[in-house]
Amino acid sequence: QVHLVESGGGLVQAGGSLRLSCAASGIIVRTYSMDWYRQVPGKQRELVAVISTSGITNYADSVRGRFAISRDNAKNSVYLQMNSLKPEDTAVYYCHTALGTWGQGTQVTVSS
């Protein structure tokens, strides 16, 4: 069974940085495309960043140049480095696999 556990969320001031982690079990992360999504109450879940099996990355326009997705095959984990955070980045962030599995989410709150 596939499990994803996110961590690293928290409260940060605008302009600050956070690094989210997604630890996977039951799946080898390098063999699947892995994503980060985020969701604000009352809105649809939004795709933030993707890393393919070959390491190709892609980002939502709203975060390109500020966020970076990466993968550590030895730790079987995926990360989201978030820099220059803005209040509009406030959301619950979810890790997701191409298999359709979701983590429980981690809250990111950016104060102005």
C-alpha atoms as a PDB file:
ATOM      1  CA  GLN A   1       0.000   0.000   0.000  1.00  0.00           C
ATOM      2  CA  VAL A   2       1.261   3.445  -0.927  1.00  0.00           C
ATOM      3  CA  HIS A   3       1.650   6.085   1.771  1.00  0.00           C
ATOM      4  CA  LEU A   4       2.807   9.683   1.421  1.00  0.00           C
ATOM      5  CA  VAL A   5       3.626  11.772   4.491  1.00  0.00           C
ATOM      6  CA  GLU A   6       4.176  15.504   4.096  1.00  0.00           C
ATOM      7  CA  SER A   7       6.031  17.678   6.583  1.00  0.00           C
ATOM      8  CA  GLY A   8       7.695  21.068   6.789  1.00  0.00           C
ATOM      9  CA  GLY A   9       4.723  23.379   6.701  1.00  0.00           C
ATOM     10  CA  GLY A  10       4.279  26.234   9.126  1.00  0.00           C
ATOM     11  CA  LEU A  11       3.883  29.963   9.585  1.00  0.00           C
ATOM     12  CA  VAL A  12       6.329  32.264   7.824  1.00  0.00           C
ATOM     13  CA  GLN A  13       6.473  35.962   7.018  1.00  0.00           C
ATOM     14  CA  ALA A  14       6.180  37.190   3.455  1.00  0.00           C
ATOM     15  CA  GLY A  15       9.521  36.921   1.703  1.00  0.00           C
ATOM     16  CA  GLY A  16      10.553  33.935   3.759  1.00  0.00           C
ATOM     17  CA  SER A  17      11.226  30.333   2.805  1.00  0.00           C
ATOM     18  CA  LEU A  18       9.988  26.874   3.673  1.00  0.00           C
ATOM     19  CA  ARG A  19      10.973  23.411   2.513  1.00  0.00           C
ATOM     20  CA  LEU A  20       8.268  20.788   2.318  1.00  0.00           C
ATOM     21  CA  SER A  21       9.114  17.102   2.413  1.00  0.00           C
ATOM     22  CA  CYS A  22       7.134  14.121   1.169  1.00  0.00           C
ATOM     23  CA  ALA A  23       8.290  10.735   2.437  1.00  0.00           C
ATOM     24  CA  ALA A  24       6.959   7.816   0.414  1.00  0.00           C
ATOM     25  CA  SER A  25       6.473   4.159   1.281  1.00  0.00           C
ATOM     26  CA  GLY A  26       5.084   1.374  -0.884  1.00  0.00           C
ATOM     27  CA  ILE A  27       6.323   3.158  -3.993  1.00  0.00           C
ATOM     28  CA  ILE A  28       9.698   3.995  -5.496  1.00  0.00           C
ATOM     29  CA  VAL A  29       9.419   7.718  -6.172  1.00  0.00           C
ATOM     30  CA  ARG A  30      11.916   7.743  -9.045  1.00  0.00           C
ATOM     31  CA  THR A  31       9.685   5.385 -11.032  1.00  0.00           C
ATOM     32  CA  TYR A  32       6.632   7.667 -10.993  1.00  0.00           C
ATOM     33  CA  SER A  33       5.870  11.248 -11.766  1.00  0.00           C
ATOM     34  CA  MET A  34       5.418  13.086  -8.461  1.00  0.00           C
ATOM     35  CA  ASP A  35       3.519  16.321  -7.877  1.00  0.00           C
ATOM     36  CA  TRP A  36       2.803  18.971  -5.304  1.00  0.00           C
ATOM     37  CA  TYR A  37      -0.675  20.476  -5.191  1.00  0.00           C
ATOM     38  CA  ARG A  38      -2.182  23.096  -2.930  1.00  0.00           C
ATOM     39  CA  GLN A  39      -5.700  23.927  -1.866  1.00  0.00           C
ATOM     40  CA  VAL A  40      -7.380  26.908  -0.285  1.00  0.00           C
ATOM     41  CA  PRO A  41     -10.768  26.406   1.421  1.00  0.00           C
ATOM     42  CA  GLY A  42     -13.594  26.792  -1.082  1.00  0.00           C
ATOM     43  CA  LYS A  43     -11.330  26.422  -4.104  1.00  0.00           C
ATOM     44  CA  GLN A  44     -10.193  23.537  -6.274  1.00  0.00           C
ATOM     45  CA  ARG A  45      -6.902  21.831  -5.649  1.00  0.00           C
ATOM     46  CA  GLU A  46      -4.198  23.510  -7.774  1.00  0.00           C
ATOM     47  CA  LEU A  47      -1.173  21.835  -9.341  1.00  0.00           C
ATOM     48  CA  VAL A  48       1.980  23.607  -8.157  1.00  0.00           C
ATOM     49  CA  ALA A  49       4.935  21.551  -9.371  1.00  0.00           C
ATOM     50  CA  VAL A  50       5.718  18.278 -11.131  1.00  0.00           C
ATOM     51  CA  ILE A  51       8.848  16.157 -11.421  1.00  0.00           C
ATOM     52  CA  SER A  52       8.932  13.418 -14.024  1.00  0.00           C
ATOM     53  CA  THR A  53      10.739  10.092 -13.820  1.00  0.00           C
ATOM     54  CA  SER A  54      13.547  11.605 -15.889  1.00  0.00           C
ATOM     55  CA  GLY A  55      13.804  14.587 -13.554  1.00  0.00           C
ATOM     56  CA  ILE A  56      12.100  17.107 -15.797  1.00  0.00           C
ATOM     57  CA  THR A  57      10.274  19.711 -13.722  1.00  0.00           C
ATOM     58  CA  ASN A  58       7.379  22.009 -14.437  1.00  0.00           C
ATOM     59  CA  TYR A  59       5.645  24.679 -12.407  1.00  0.00           C
ATOM     60  CA  ALA A  60       2.490  26.708 -12.187  1.00  0.00           C
ATOM     61  CA  ASP A  61       3.035  30.211 -13.519  1.00  0.00           C
ATOM     62  CA  SER A  62       2.261  31.625 -10.069  1.00  0.00           C
ATOM     63  CA  VAL A  63       5.273  29.893  -8.473  1.00  0.00           C
ATOM     64  CA  ARG A  64       7.787  29.573 -11.330  1.00  0.00           C
ATOM     65  CA  GLY A  65      11.107  31.090 -10.324  1.00  0.00           C
ATOM     66  CA  ARG A  66      10.279  30.918  -6.611  1.00  0.00           C
ATOM     67  CA  PHE A  67       9.581  27.230  -5.971  1.00  0.00           C
ATOM     68  CA  ALA A  68      11.712  24.201  -6.805  1.00  0.00           C
ATOM     69  CA  ILE A  69      10.681  20.552  -6.758  1.00  0.00           C
ATOM     70  CA  SER A  70      13.330  17.898  -6.252  1.00  0.00           C
ATOM     71  CA  ARG A  71      13.694  14.227  -5.478  1.00  0.00           C
ATOM     72  CA  ASP A  72      16.083  12.236  -3.298  1.00  0.00           C
ATOM     73  CA  ASN A  73      16.091   8.663  -4.548  1.00  0.00           C
ATOM     74  CA  ALA A  74      18.136   7.395  -1.597  1.00  0.00           C
ATOM     75  CA  LYS A  75      15.574   8.752   0.863  1.00  0.00           C
ATOM     76  CA  ASN A  76      12.636   7.912  -1.424  1.00  0.00           C
ATOM     77  CA  SER A  77      11.364  11.430  -0.874  1.00  0.00           C
ATOM     78  CA  VAL A  78      10.243  14.450  -2.824  1.00  0.00           C
ATOM     79  CA  TYR A  79      10.734  18.054  -1.740  1.00  0.00           C
ATOM     80  CA  LEU A  80       9.323  21.477  -2.497  1.00  0.00           C
ATOM     81  CA  GLN A  81      11.637  24.390  -1.748  1.00  0.00           C
ATOM     82  CA  MET A  82       9.551  27.545  -1.501  1.00  0.00           C
ATOM     83  CA  ASN A  83      11.295  30.917  -1.567  1.00  0.00           C
ATOM     84  CA  SER A  84      10.055  34.498  -1.661  1.00  0.00           C
ATOM     85  CA  LEU A  85       6.772  33.363  -0.187  1.00  0.00           C
ATOM     86  CA  LYS A  86       3.704  35.533  -0.588  1.00  0.00           C
ATOM     87  CA  PRO A  87       0.463  35.652   1.418  1.00  0.00           C
ATOM     88  CA  GLU A  88      -1.337  34.166  -1.593  1.00  0.00           C
ATOM     89  CA  ASP A  89       0.800  31.032  -1.236  1.00  0.00           C
ATOM     90  CA  THR A  90      -1.122  30.249   1.953  1.00  0.00           C
ATOM     91  CA  ALA A  91      -2.770  26.842   1.492  1.00  0.00           C
ATOM     92  CA  VAL A  92      -2.651  23.201   2.448  1.00  0.00           C
ATOM     93  CA  TYR A  93       0.034  21.552   0.335  1.00  0.00           C
ATOM     94  CA  TYR A  94      -0.362  17.951  -0.790  1.00  0.00           C
ATOM     95  CA  CYS A  95       2.041  15.428  -2.237  1.00  0.00           C
ATOM     96  CA  HIS A  96       0.633  13.244  -5.007  1.00  0.00           C
ATOM     97  CA  THR A  97       1.774  10.378  -7.217  1.00  0.00           C
ATOM     98  CA  ALA A  98       0.821   9.369 -10.726  1.00  0.00           C
ATOM     99  CA  LEU A  99      -0.856   6.367  -9.079  1.00  0.00           C
ATOM    100  CA  GLY A 100      -3.445   8.733  -7.644  1.00  0.00           C
ATOM    101  CA  THR A 101      -2.298   8.563  -4.022  1.00  0.00           C
ATOM    102  CA  TRP A 102      -2.478  11.695  -1.860  1.00  0.00           C
ATOM    103  CA  GLY A 103      -0.747  12.593   1.349  1.00  0.00           C
ATOM    104  CA  GLN A 104      -2.584  14.095   4.314  1.00  0.00           C
ATOM    105  CA  GLY A 105      -1.367  17.614   3.541  1.00  0.00           C
ATOM    106  CA  THR A 106       0.665  20.193   5.411  1.00  0.00           C
ATOM    107  CA  GLN A 107      -0.488  23.728   6.161  1.00  0.00           C
ATOM    108  CA  VAL A 108       1.561  26.668   4.901  1.00  0.00           C
ATOM    109  CA  THR A 109       0.599  30.103   6.177  1.00  0.00           C
ATOM    110  CA  VAL A 110       2.343  33.231   4.918  1.00  0.00           C
ATOM    111  CA  SER A 111       1.721  36.401   6.891  1.00  0.00           C
ATOM    112  CA  SER A 112       1.969  39.855   5.347  1.00  0.00           C
END
